[in-house]
Amino acid sequence: KKESTGELTNHKGTGRPRKTSTADDTRILSIIKNPQTPVGQIRNTLQESDVDLSMTTVRRRLREQKCRGYTARCKPRVSCKNRVTRLQFTKKYLKSKHSSGKRSCGQM
């Protein structure tokens, strides 16, 4: 490289310039109140302040900052049959006693 250009410094990138500035990126992050904020709502808020971005660009900026949305896990409910079985199991071990006369919870 030094033989062809005479310098060892890197050239400026030749790729497409970014559509957003660092100020726009921080504005995108400040709009998010919770991780479940829809990208369309963020985009509409930015359009009100004269920043025209596509939804894909907003998603990319969020991904760069590691702001990924999530949905809460839907845990299964305890069925009536399982509830009765658990109650019987607990009562079984609450009734058993050690030689000291104290109740135990299945520990010996």
PDB file of N, CA and C in Angstrom:
ATOM      1  N   LYS A   1       0.832  -1.192   0.000  1.00  0.00           N
ATOM      2  CA  LYS A   1       0.000   0.000   0.000  1.00  0.00           C
ATOM      3  C   LYS A   1       0.874   1.252   0.000  1.00  0.00           C
ATOM      4  N   LYS A   2       1.953   1.207   0.759  1.00  0.00           N
ATOM      5  CA  LYS A   2       2.817   2.370   0.818  1.00  0.00           C
ATOM      6  C   LYS A   2       3.495   2.611  -0.530  1.00  0.00           C
ATOM      7  N   GLU A   3       3.766   1.539  -1.248  1.00  0.00           N
ATOM      8  CA  GLU A   3       4.427   1.691  -2.544  1.00  0.00           C
ATOM      9  C   GLU A   3       3.512   2.355  -3.573  1.00  0.00           C
ATOM     10  N   SER A   4       2.206   2.037  -3.503  1.00  0.00           N
ATOM     11  CA  SER A   4       1.303   2.592  -4.510  1.00  0.00           C
ATOM     12  C   SER A   4       0.832   4.006  -4.152  1.00  0.00           C
ATOM     13  N   THR A   5       0.552   4.285  -2.892  1.00  0.00           N
ATOM     14  CA  THR A   5       0.034   5.608  -2.520  1.00  0.00           C
ATOM     15  C   THR A   5       1.050   6.460  -1.779  1.00  0.00           C
ATOM     16  N   GLY A   6       2.036   5.830  -1.172  1.00  0.00           N
ATOM     17  CA  GLY A   6       3.018   6.595  -0.413  1.00  0.00           C
ATOM     18  C   GLY A   6       2.573   6.858   1.021  1.00  0.00           C
ATOM     19  N   GLU A   7       1.402   6.370   1.416  1.00  0.00           N
ATOM     20  CA  GLU A   7       0.893   6.570   2.780  1.00  0.00           C
ATOM     21  C   GLU A   7       0.375   5.251   3.345  1.00  0.00           C
ATOM     22  N   LEU A   8       0.309   5.177   4.673  1.00  0.00           N
ATOM     23  CA  LEU A   8      -0.212   3.991   5.322  1.00  0.00           C
ATOM     24  C   LEU A   8      -1.595   4.226   5.931  1.00  0.00           C
ATOM     25  N   THR A   9      -2.170   5.387   5.723  1.00  0.00           N
ATOM     26  CA  THR A   9      -3.482   5.683   6.309  1.00  0.00           C
ATOM     27  C   THR A   9      -4.593   5.049   5.476  1.00  0.00           C
ATOM     28  N   ASN A  10      -5.717   4.804   6.128  1.00  0.00           N
ATOM     29  CA  ASN A  10      -6.871   4.224   5.441  1.00  0.00           C
ATOM     30  C   ASN A  10      -7.626   5.309   4.683  1.00  0.00           C
ATOM     31  N   HIS A  11      -8.198   4.924   3.562  1.00  0.00           N
ATOM     32  CA  HIS A  11      -9.017   5.843   2.784  1.00  0.00           C
ATOM     33  C   HIS A  11     -10.413   5.920   3.393  1.00  0.00           C
ATOM     34  N   LYS A  12     -11.109   7.010   3.084  1.00  0.00           N
ATOM     35  CA  LYS A  12     -12.476   7.151   3.526  1.00  0.00           C
ATOM     36  C   LYS A  12     -13.327   6.074   2.844  1.00  0.00           C
ATOM     37  N   GLY A  13     -14.323   5.565   3.580  1.00  0.00           N
ATOM     38  CA  GLY A  13     -15.175   4.508   3.051  1.00  0.00           C
ATOM     39  C   GLY A  13     -15.878   4.931   1.778  1.00  0.00           C
ATOM     40  N   THR A  14     -16.018   4.004   0.860  1.00  0.00           N
ATOM     41  CA  THR A  14     -16.629   4.327  -0.417  1.00  0.00           C
ATOM     42  C   THR A  14     -18.095   3.916  -0.467  1.00  0.00           C
ATOM     43  N   GLY A  15     -18.627   3.405   0.647  1.00  0.00           N
ATOM     44  CA  GLY A  15     -20.011   2.941   0.656  1.00  0.00           C
ATOM     45  C   GLY A  15     -21.005   4.087   0.671  1.00  0.00           C
ATOM     46  N   ARG A  16     -22.263   3.721   0.667  1.00  0.00           N
ATOM     47  CA  ARG A  16     -23.334   4.705   0.687  1.00  0.00           C
ATOM     48  C   ARG A  16     -23.363   5.436   2.031  1.00  0.00           C
ATOM     49  N   PRO A  17     -23.530   6.762   2.004  1.00  0.00           N
ATOM     50  CA  PRO A  17     -23.564   7.513   3.265  1.00  0.00           C
ATOM     51  C   PRO A  17     -24.832   7.202   4.059  1.00  0.00           C
ATOM     52  N   ARG A  18     -24.730   7.326   5.385  1.00  0.00           N
ATOM     53  CA  ARG A  18     -25.872   7.036   6.253  1.00  0.00           C
ATOM     54  C   ARG A  18     -26.963   8.074   6.089  1.00  0.00           C
ATOM     55  N   LYS A  19     -28.190   7.621   6.226  1.00  0.00           N
ATOM     56  CA  LYS A  19     -29.337   8.520   6.101  1.00  0.00           C
ATOM     57  C   LYS A  19     -29.534   9.320   7.392  1.00  0.00           C
ATOM     58  N   THR A  20     -29.096   8.761   8.534  1.00  0.00           N
ATOM     59  CA  THR A  20     -29.288   9.424   9.821  1.00  0.00           C
ATOM     60  C   THR A  20     -27.961   9.914  10.375  1.00  0.00           C
ATOM     61  N   SER A  21     -28.052  10.982  11.137  1.00  0.00           N
ATOM     62  CA  SER A  21     -26.875  11.480  11.837  1.00  0.00           C
ATOM     63  C   SER A  21     -26.855  10.878  13.236  1.00  0.00           C
ATOM     64  N   THR A  22     -25.820  11.166  13.994  1.00  0.00           N
ATOM     65  CA  THR A  22     -25.767  10.655  15.366  1.00  0.00           C
ATOM     66  C   THR A  22     -26.860  11.292  16.218  1.00  0.00           C
ATOM     67  N   ALA A  23     -27.229  12.531  15.902  1.00  0.00           N
ATOM     68  CA  ALA A  23     -28.323  13.185  16.632  1.00  0.00           C
ATOM     69  C   ALA A  23     -29.649  12.470  16.359  1.00  0.00           C
ATOM     70  N   ASP A  24     -29.863  12.066  15.100  1.00  0.00           N
ATOM     71  CA  ASP A  24     -31.081  11.326  14.765  1.00  0.00           C
ATOM     72  C   ASP A  24     -31.113   9.974  15.481  1.00  0.00           C
ATOM     73  N   ASP A  25     -29.958   9.323  15.565  1.00  0.00           N
ATOM     74  CA  ASP A  25     -29.891   8.031  16.250  1.00  0.00           C
ATOM     75  C   ASP A  25     -30.248   8.160  17.727  1.00  0.00           C
ATOM     76  N   THR A  26     -29.740   9.208  18.377  1.00  0.00           N
ATOM     77  CA  THR A  26     -30.081   9.405  19.789  1.00  0.00           C
ATOM     78  C   THR A  26     -31.547   9.795  19.953  1.00  0.00           C
ATOM     79  N   ARG A  27     -32.096  10.506  18.970  1.00  0.00           N
ATOM     80  CA  ARG A  27     -33.514  10.870  19.035  1.00  0.00           C
ATOM     81  C   ARG A  27     -34.390   9.623  18.931  1.00  0.00           C
ATOM     82  N   ILE A  28     -33.985   8.673  18.092  1.00  0.00           N
ATOM     83  CA  ILE A  28     -34.727   7.412  17.974  1.00  0.00           C
ATOM     84  C   ILE A  28     -34.724   6.680  19.309  1.00  0.00           C
ATOM     85  N   LEU A  29     -33.583   6.636  19.967  1.00  0.00           N
ATOM     86  CA  LEU A  29     -33.498   5.949  21.258  1.00  0.00           C
ATOM     87  C   LEU A  29     -34.284   6.674  22.344  1.00  0.00           C
ATOM     88  N   SER A  30     -34.353   8.002  22.266  1.00  0.00           N
ATOM     89  CA  SER A  30     -35.082   8.741  23.298  1.00  0.00           C
ATOM     90  C   SER A  30     -36.593   8.598  23.151  1.00  0.00           C
ATOM     91  N   ILE A  31     -37.060   8.272  21.945  1.00  0.00           N
ATOM     92  CA  ILE A  31     -38.497   8.111  21.710  1.00  0.00           C
ATOM     93  C   ILE A  31     -39.012   6.851  22.387  1.00  0.00           C
ATOM     94  N   ILE A  32     -38.170   5.841  22.460  1.00  0.00           N
ATOM     95  CA  ILE A  32     -38.605   4.555  22.993  1.00  0.00           C
ATOM     96  C   ILE A  32     -38.833   4.670  24.494  1.00  0.00           C
ATOM     97  N   LYS A  33     -40.078   4.428  24.899  1.00  0.00           N
ATOM     98  CA  LYS A  33     -40.404   4.423  26.328  1.00  0.00           C
ATOM     99  C   LYS A  33     -40.259   3.009  26.888  1.00  0.00           C
ATOM    100  N   ASN A  34     -40.737   2.041  26.141  1.00  0.00           N
ATOM    101  CA  ASN A  34     -40.594   0.637  26.532  1.00  0.00           C
ATOM    102  C   ASN A  34     -40.208  -0.163  25.291  1.00  0.00           C
ATOM    103  N   PRO A  35     -39.678  -1.357  25.470  1.00  0.00           N
ATOM    104  CA  PRO A  35     -39.200  -2.123  24.316  1.00  0.00           C
ATOM    105  C   PRO A  35     -40.302  -2.564  23.362  1.00  0.00           C
ATOM    106  N   GLN A  36     -41.554  -2.429  23.759  1.00  0.00           N
ATOM    107  CA  GLN A  36     -42.640  -2.890  22.908  1.00  0.00           C
ATOM    108  C   GLN A  36     -43.226  -1.773  22.042  1.00  0.00           C
ATOM    109  N   THR A  37     -42.582  -0.609  21.995  1.00  0.00           N
ATOM    110  CA  THR A  37     -43.050   0.487  21.158  1.00  0.00           C
ATOM    111  C   THR A  37     -42.951   0.085  19.689  1.00  0.00           C
ATOM    112  N   PRO A  38     -44.024   0.180  18.921  1.00  0.00           N
ATOM    113  CA  PRO A  38     -43.979  -0.221  17.517  1.00  0.00           C
ATOM    114  C   PRO A  38     -43.086   0.709  16.687  1.00  0.00           C
ATOM    115  N   VAL A  39     -42.449   0.126  15.678  1.00  0.00           N
ATOM    116  CA  VAL A  39     -41.543   0.886  14.820  1.00  0.00           C
ATOM    117  C   VAL A  39     -42.315   1.949  14.046  1.00  0.00           C
ATOM    118  N   GLY A  40     -43.544   1.646  13.660  1.00  0.00           N
ATOM    119  CA  GLY A  40     -44.359   2.627  12.934  1.00  0.00           C
ATOM    120  C   GLY A  40     -44.629   3.870  13.765  1.00  0.00           C
ATOM    121  N   GLN A  41     -44.832   3.682  15.060  1.00  0.00           N
ATOM    122  CA  GLN A  41     -45.070   4.828  15.945  1.00  0.00           C
ATOM    123  C   GLN A  41     -43.808   5.682  16.078  1.00  0.00           C
ATOM    124  N   ILE A  42     -42.659   5.044  16.146  1.00  0.00           N
ATOM    125  CA  ILE A  42     -41.394   5.787  16.204  1.00  0.00           C
ATOM    126  C   ILE A  42     -41.192   6.575  14.923  1.00  0.00           C
ATOM    127  N   ARG A  43     -41.486   5.936  13.790  1.00  0.00           N
ATOM    128  CA  ARG A  43     -41.325   6.592  12.489  1.00  0.00           C
ATOM    129  C   ARG A  43     -42.251   7.803  12.371  1.00  0.00           C
ATOM    130  N   ASN A  44     -43.504   7.673  12.813  1.00  0.00           N
ATOM    131  CA  ASN A  44     -44.442   8.797  12.751  1.00  0.00           C
ATOM    132  C   ASN A  44     -43.982   9.957  13.621  1.00  0.00           C
ATOM    133  N   THR A  45     -43.436   9.658  14.781  1.00  0.00           N
ATOM    134  CA  THR A  45     -42.925  10.706  15.657  1.00  0.00           C
ATOM    135  C   THR A  45     -41.755  11.430  15.014  1.00  0.00           C
ATOM    136  N   LEU A  46     -40.900  10.683  14.321  1.00  0.00           N
ATOM    137  CA  LEU A  46     -39.767  11.302  13.634  1.00  0.00           C
ATOM    138  C   LEU A  46     -40.228  12.148  12.447  1.00  0.00           C
ATOM    139  N   GLN A  47     -41.273  11.718  11.762  1.00  0.00           N
ATOM    140  CA  GLN A  47     -41.776  12.484  10.622  1.00  0.00           C
ATOM    141  C   GLN A  47     -42.357  13.822  11.079  1.00  0.00           C
ATOM    142  N   GLU A  48     -42.905  13.866  12.284  1.00  0.00           N
ATOM    143  CA  GLU A  48     -43.414  15.138  12.810  1.00  0.00           C
ATOM    144  C   GLU A  48     -42.287  16.141  13.025  1.00  0.00           C
ATOM    145  N   SER A  49     -41.076  15.634  13.280  1.00  0.00           N
ATOM    146  CA  SER A  49     -39.934  16.532  13.464  1.00  0.00           C
ATOM    147  C   SER A  49     -39.081  16.614  12.198  1.00  0.00           C
ATOM    148  N   ASP A  50     -39.699  16.393  11.032  1.00  0.00           N
ATOM    149  CA  ASP A  50     -39.066  16.542   9.710  1.00  0.00           C
ATOM    150  C   ASP A  50     -37.871  15.619   9.490  1.00  0.00           C
ATOM    151  N   VAL A  51     -37.939  14.405   9.999  1.00  0.00           N
ATOM    152  CA  VAL A  51     -36.931  13.386   9.706  1.00  0.00           C
ATOM    153  C   VAL A  51     -37.663  12.257   9.004  1.00  0.00           C
ATOM    154  N   ASP A  52     -37.422  12.108   7.695  1.00  0.00           N
ATOM    155  CA  ASP A  52     -38.131  11.114   6.905  1.00  0.00           C
ATOM    156  C   ASP A  52     -37.274   9.860   6.777  1.00  0.00           C
ATOM    157  N   LEU A  53     -37.661   8.798   7.496  1.00  0.00           N
ATOM    158  CA  LEU A  53     -36.948   7.525   7.465  1.00  0.00           C
ATOM    159  C   LEU A  53     -37.920   6.407   7.172  1.00  0.00           C
ATOM    160  N   SER A  54     -37.403   5.349   6.575  1.00  0.00           N
ATOM    161  CA  SER A  54     -38.240   4.174   6.379  1.00  0.00           C
ATOM    162  C   SER A  54     -38.262   3.360   7.668  1.00  0.00           C
ATOM    163  N   MET A  55     -39.229   2.462   7.754  1.00  0.00           N
ATOM    164  CA  MET A  55     -39.342   1.620   8.940  1.00  0.00           C
ATOM    165  C   MET A  55     -38.139   0.692   9.056  1.00  0.00           C
ATOM    166  N   THR A  56     -37.602   0.273   7.924  1.00  0.00           N
ATOM    167  CA  THR A  56     -36.425  -0.596   7.935  1.00  0.00           C
ATOM    168  C   THR A  56     -35.221   0.120   8.541  1.00  0.00           C
ATOM    169  N   THR A  57     -35.055   1.406   8.192  1.00  0.00           N
ATOM    170  CA  THR A  57     -33.938   2.178   8.736  1.00  0.00           C
ATOM    171  C   THR A  57     -34.072   2.318  10.246  1.00  0.00           C
ATOM    172  N   VAL A  58     -35.289   2.570  10.714  1.00  0.00           N
ATOM    173  CA  VAL A  58     -35.507   2.693  12.154  1.00  0.00           C
ATOM    174  C   VAL A  58     -35.177   1.375  12.833  1.00  0.00           C
ATOM    175  N   ARG A  59     -35.609   0.257  12.239  1.00  0.00           N
ATOM    176  CA  ARG A  59     -35.298  -1.061  12.809  1.00  0.00           C
ATOM    177  C   ARG A  59     -33.797  -1.293  12.868  1.00  0.00           C
ATOM    178  N   ARG A  60     -33.081  -0.896  11.817  1.00  0.00           N
ATOM    179  CA  ARG A  60     -31.628  -1.088  11.789  1.00  0.00           C
ATOM    180  C   ARG A  60     -30.936  -0.274  12.882  1.00  0.00           C
ATOM    181  N   ARG A  61     -31.397   0.961  13.073  1.00  0.00           N
ATOM    182  CA  ARG A  61     -30.787   1.807  14.111  1.00  0.00           C
ATOM    183  C   ARG A  61     -31.044   1.234  15.506  1.00  0.00           C
ATOM    184  N   LEU A  62     -32.228   0.684  15.704  1.00  0.00           N
ATOM    185  CA  LEU A  62     -32.535   0.057  16.992  1.00  0.00           C
ATOM    186  C   LEU A  62     -31.692  -1.200  17.191  1.00  0.00           C
ATOM    187  N   ARG A  63     -31.520  -1.960  16.136  1.00  0.00           N
ATOM    188  CA  ARG A  63     -30.722  -3.181  16.220  1.00  0.00           C
ATOM    189  C   ARG A  63     -29.257  -2.858  16.502  1.00  0.00           C
ATOM    190  N   GLU A  64     -28.753  -1.763  15.913  1.00  0.00           N
ATOM    191  CA  GLU A  64     -27.375  -1.344  16.174  1.00  0.00           C
ATOM    192  C   GLU A  64     -27.157  -1.029  17.648  1.00  0.00           C
ATOM    193  N   GLN A  65     -28.168  -0.464  18.287  1.00  0.00           N
ATOM    194  CA  GLN A  65     -28.067  -0.101  19.703  1.00  0.00           C
ATOM    195  C   GLN A  65     -28.497  -1.249  20.616  1.00  0.00           C
ATOM    196  N   LYS A  66     -28.755  -2.414  20.036  1.00  0.00           N
ATOM    197  CA  LYS A  66     -29.170  -3.603  20.775  1.00  0.00           C
ATOM    198  C   LYS A  66     -30.472  -3.393  21.542  1.00  0.00           C
ATOM    199  N   CYS A  67     -31.387  -2.646  20.938  1.00  0.00           N
ATOM    200  CA  CYS A  67     -32.725  -2.462  21.506  1.00  0.00           C
ATOM    201  C   CYS A  67     -33.659  -3.381  20.744  1.00  0.00           C
ATOM    202  N   ARG A  68     -33.863  -4.545  21.271  1.00  0.00           N
ATOM    203  CA  ARG A  68     -34.725  -5.514  20.605  1.00  0.00           C
ATOM    204  C   ARG A  68     -36.016  -5.650  21.381  1.00  0.00           C
ATOM    205  N   GLY A  69     -37.114  -5.643  20.670  1.00  0.00           N
ATOM    206  CA  GLY A  69     -38.405  -5.792  21.313  1.00  0.00           C
ATOM    207  C   GLY A  69     -38.641  -7.233  21.719  1.00  0.00           C
ATOM    208  N   TYR A  70     -39.511  -7.408  22.647  1.00  0.00           N
ATOM    209  CA  TYR A  70     -39.853  -8.747  23.092  1.00  0.00           C
ATOM    210  C   TYR A  70     -41.303  -8.763  23.550  1.00  0.00           C
ATOM    211  N   THR A  71     -41.866  -9.935  23.612  1.00  0.00           N
ATOM    212  CA  THR A  71     -43.197 -10.104  24.172  1.00  0.00           C
ATOM    213  C   THR A  71     -43.068 -10.982  25.403  1.00  0.00           C
ATOM    214  N   ALA A  72     -43.918 -10.732  26.381  1.00  0.00           N
ATOM    215  CA  ALA A  72     -43.857 -11.487  27.614  1.00  0.00           C
ATOM    216  C   ALA A  72     -44.237 -12.932  27.356  1.00  0.00           C
ATOM    217  N   ARG A  73     -43.584 -13.816  28.053  1.00  0.00           N
ATOM    218  CA  ARG A  73     -43.860 -15.228  27.890  1.00  0.00           C
ATOM    219  C   ARG A  73     -45.226 -15.565  28.473  1.00  0.00           C
ATOM    220  N   CYS A  74     -45.969 -16.386  27.777  1.00  0.00           N
ATOM    221  CA  CYS A  74     -47.289 -16.807  28.233  1.00  0.00           C
ATOM    222  C   CYS A  74     -47.118 -18.111  29.002  1.00  0.00           C
ATOM    223  N   LYS A  75     -47.169 -18.000  30.323  1.00  0.00           N
ATOM    224  CA  LYS A  75     -46.968 -19.176  31.147  1.00  0.00           C
ATOM    225  C   LYS A  75     -48.261 -19.976  31.248  1.00  0.00           C
ATOM    226  N   PRO A  76     -48.173 -21.284  31.254  1.00  0.00           N
ATOM    227  CA  PRO A  76     -49.390 -22.085  31.369  1.00  0.00           C
ATOM    228  C   PRO A  76     -49.979 -21.963  32.771  1.00  0.00           C
ATOM    229  N   ARG A  77     -51.278 -21.957  32.841  1.00  0.00           N
ATOM    230  CA  ARG A  77     -51.951 -21.889  34.131  1.00  0.00           C
ATOM    231  C   ARG A  77     -51.981 -23.272  34.758  1.00  0.00           C
ATOM    232  N   VAL A  78     -52.094 -23.298  36.073  1.00  0.00           N
ATOM    233  CA  VAL A  78     -52.169 -24.559  36.786  1.00  0.00           C
ATOM    234  C   VAL A  78     -53.592 -25.101  36.638  1.00  0.00           C
ATOM    235  N   SER A  79     -53.712 -26.293  36.082  1.00  0.00           N
ATOM    236  CA  SER A  79     -55.036 -26.873  35.868  1.00  0.00           C
ATOM    237  C   SER A  79     -55.629 -27.314  37.199  1.00  0.00           C
ATOM    238  N   CYS A  80     -56.924 -27.549  37.209  1.00  0.00           N
ATOM    239  CA  CYS A  80     -57.613 -27.979  38.437  1.00  0.00           C
ATOM    240  C   CYS A  80     -57.070 -29.317  38.909  1.00  0.00           C
ATOM    241  N   LYS A  81     -56.830 -30.225  37.979  1.00  0.00           N
ATOM    242  CA  LYS A  81     -56.310 -31.547  38.335  1.00  0.00           C
ATOM    243  C   LYS A  81     -54.933 -31.430  38.975  1.00  0.00           C
ATOM    244  N   ASN A  82     -54.081 -30.605  38.382  1.00  0.00           N
ATOM    245  CA  ASN A  82     -52.735 -30.425  38.913  1.00  0.00           C
ATOM    246  C   ASN A  82     -52.785 -29.711  40.268  1.00  0.00           C
ATOM    247  N   ARG A  83     -53.706 -28.785  40.437  1.00  0.00           N
ATOM    248  CA  ARG A  83     -53.846 -28.064  41.696  1.00  0.00           C
ATOM    249  C   ARG A  83     -54.206 -29.019  42.830  1.00  0.00           C
ATOM    250  N   VAL A  84     -55.132 -29.927  42.562  1.00  0.00           N
ATOM    251  CA  VAL A  84     -55.549 -30.908  43.569  1.00  0.00           C
ATOM    252  C   VAL A  84     -54.387 -31.848  43.903  1.00  0.00           C
ATOM    253  N   THR A  85     -53.666 -32.281  42.877  1.00  0.00           N
ATOM    254  CA  THR A  85     -52.535 -33.180  43.086  1.00  0.00           C
ATOM    255  C   THR A  85     -51.445 -32.505  43.917  1.00  0.00           C
ATOM    256  N   ARG A  86     -51.165 -31.278  43.657  1.00  0.00           N
ATOM    257  CA  ARG A  86     -50.146 -30.550  44.422  1.00  0.00           C
ATOM    258  C   ARG A  86     -50.565 -30.364  45.869  1.00  0.00           C
ATOM    259  N   LEU A  87     -51.853 -30.088  46.079  1.00  0.00           N
ATOM    260  CA  LEU A  87     -52.366 -29.910  47.429  1.00  0.00           C
ATOM    261  C   LEU A  87     -52.272 -31.214  48.221  1.00  0.00           C
ATOM    262  N   GLN A  88     -52.617 -32.338  47.578  1.00  0.00           N
ATOM    263  CA  GLN A  88     -52.517 -33.637  48.249  1.00  0.00           C
ATOM    264  C   GLN A  88     -51.064 -33.947  48.606  1.00  0.00           C
ATOM    265  N   PHE A  89     -50.151 -33.664  47.704  1.00  0.00           N
ATOM    266  CA  PHE A  89     -48.726 -33.895  47.945  1.00  0.00           C
ATOM    267  C   PHE A  89     -48.252 -33.085  49.150  1.00  0.00           C
ATOM    268  N   THR A  90     -48.653 -31.822  49.222  1.00  0.00           N
ATOM    269  CA  THR A  90     -48.233 -30.953  50.321  1.00  0.00           C
ATOM    270  C   THR A  90     -48.817 -31.431  51.644  1.00  0.00           C
ATOM    271  N   LYS A  91     -50.091 -31.779  51.646  1.00  0.00           N
ATOM    272  CA  LYS A  91     -50.734 -32.244  52.880  1.00  0.00           C
ATOM    273  C   LYS A  91     -50.106 -33.532  53.380  1.00  0.00           C
ATOM    274  N   LYS A  92     -49.698 -34.386  52.462  1.00  0.00           N
ATOM    275  CA  LYS A  92     -49.072 -35.661  52.831  1.00  0.00           C
ATOM    276  C   LYS A  92     -47.812 -35.424  53.647  1.00  0.00           C
ATOM    277  N   TYR A  93     -46.981 -34.472  53.214  1.00  0.00           N
ATOM    278  CA  TYR A  93     -45.721 -34.216  53.900  1.00  0.00           C
ATOM    279  C   TYR A  93     -45.883 -33.291  55.096  1.00  0.00           C
ATOM    280  N   LEU A  94     -46.942 -32.525  55.153  1.00  0.00           N
ATOM    281  CA  LEU A  94     -47.174 -31.693  56.332  1.00  0.00           C
ATOM    282  C   LEU A  94     -47.639 -32.544  57.515  1.00  0.00           C
ATOM    283  N   LYS A  95     -48.332 -33.644  57.238  1.00  0.00           N
ATOM    284  CA  LYS A  95     -48.842 -34.501  58.303  1.00  0.00           C
ATOM    285  C   LYS A  95     -47.772 -35.405  58.895  1.00  0.00           C
ATOM    286  N   SER A  96     -46.748 -35.739  58.122  1.00  0.00           N
ATOM    287  CA  SER A  96     -45.698 -36.619  58.657  1.00  0.00           C
ATOM    288  C   SER A  96     -44.849 -35.861  59.660  1.00  0.00           C
ATOM    289  N   LYS A  97     -44.402 -36.574  60.732  1.00  0.00           N
ATOM    290  CA  LYS A  97     -43.623 -35.942  61.801  1.00  0.00           C
ATOM    291  C   LYS A  97     -42.336 -36.715  62.016  1.00  0.00           C
ATOM    292  N   HIS A  98     -41.327 -35.997  62.476  1.00  0.00           N
ATOM    293  CA  HIS A  98     -40.072 -36.629  62.869  1.00  0.00           C
ATOM    294  C   HIS A  98     -40.199 -37.100  64.302  1.00  0.00           C
ATOM    295  N   SER A  99     -39.153 -37.724  64.796  1.00  0.00           N
ATOM    296  CA  SER A  99     -39.149 -38.192  66.181  1.00  0.00           C
ATOM    297  C   SER A  99     -39.133 -37.026  67.159  1.00  0.00           C
ATOM    298  N   SER A 100     -38.682 -35.839  66.712  1.00  0.00           N
ATOM    299  CA  SER A 100     -38.634 -34.680  67.601  1.00  0.00           C
ATOM    300  C   SER A 100     -40.009 -34.038  67.768  1.00  0.00           C
ATOM    301  N   GLY A 101     -40.999 -34.451  66.984  1.00  0.00           N
ATOM    302  CA  GLY A 101     -42.336 -33.919  67.103  1.00  0.00           C
ATOM    303  C   GLY A 101     -42.581 -32.717  66.207  1.00  0.00           C
ATOM    304  N   LYS A 102     -41.590 -32.245  65.447  1.00  0.00           N
ATOM    305  CA  LYS A 102     -41.779 -31.108  64.555  1.00  0.00           C
ATOM    306  C   LYS A 102     -42.276 -31.584  63.209  1.00  0.00           C
ATOM    307  N   ARG A 103     -43.032 -30.754  62.570  1.00  0.00           N
ATOM    308  CA  ARG A 103     -43.506 -31.081  61.234  1.00  0.00           C
ATOM    309  C   ARG A 103     -42.370 -30.933  60.221  1.00  0.00           C
ATOM    310  N   SER A 104     -42.430 -31.709  59.168  1.00  0.00           N
ATOM    311  CA  SER A 104     -41.405 -31.613  58.129  1.00  0.00           C
ATOM    312  C   SER A 104     -42.064 -31.355  56.798  1.00  0.00           C
ATOM    313  N   CYS A 105     -41.270 -30.915  55.887  1.00  0.00           N
ATOM    314  CA  CYS A 105     -41.753 -30.687  54.527  1.00  0.00           C
ATOM    315  C   CYS A 105     -41.029 -31.622  53.576  1.00  0.00           C
ATOM    316  N   GLY A 106     -40.947 -32.892  53.914  1.00  0.00           N
ATOM    317  CA  GLY A 106     -40.319 -33.853  53.042  1.00  0.00           C
ATOM    318  C   GLY A 106     -38.826 -33.979  53.249  1.00  0.00           C
ATOM    319  N   GLN A 107     -38.256 -33.285  54.227  1.00  0.00           N
ATOM    320  CA  GLN A 107     -36.819 -33.353  54.490  1.00  0.00           C
ATOM    321  C   GLN A 107     -36.563 -34.330  55.614  1.00  0.00           C
ATOM    322  N   MET A 108     -35.558 -35.164  55.461  1.00  0.00           N
ATOM    323  CA  MET A 108     -35.226 -36.123  56.514  1.00  0.00           C
ATOM    324  C   MET A 108     -33.775 -36.096  56.833  1.00  0.00           C
TER     325      MET A 108
END
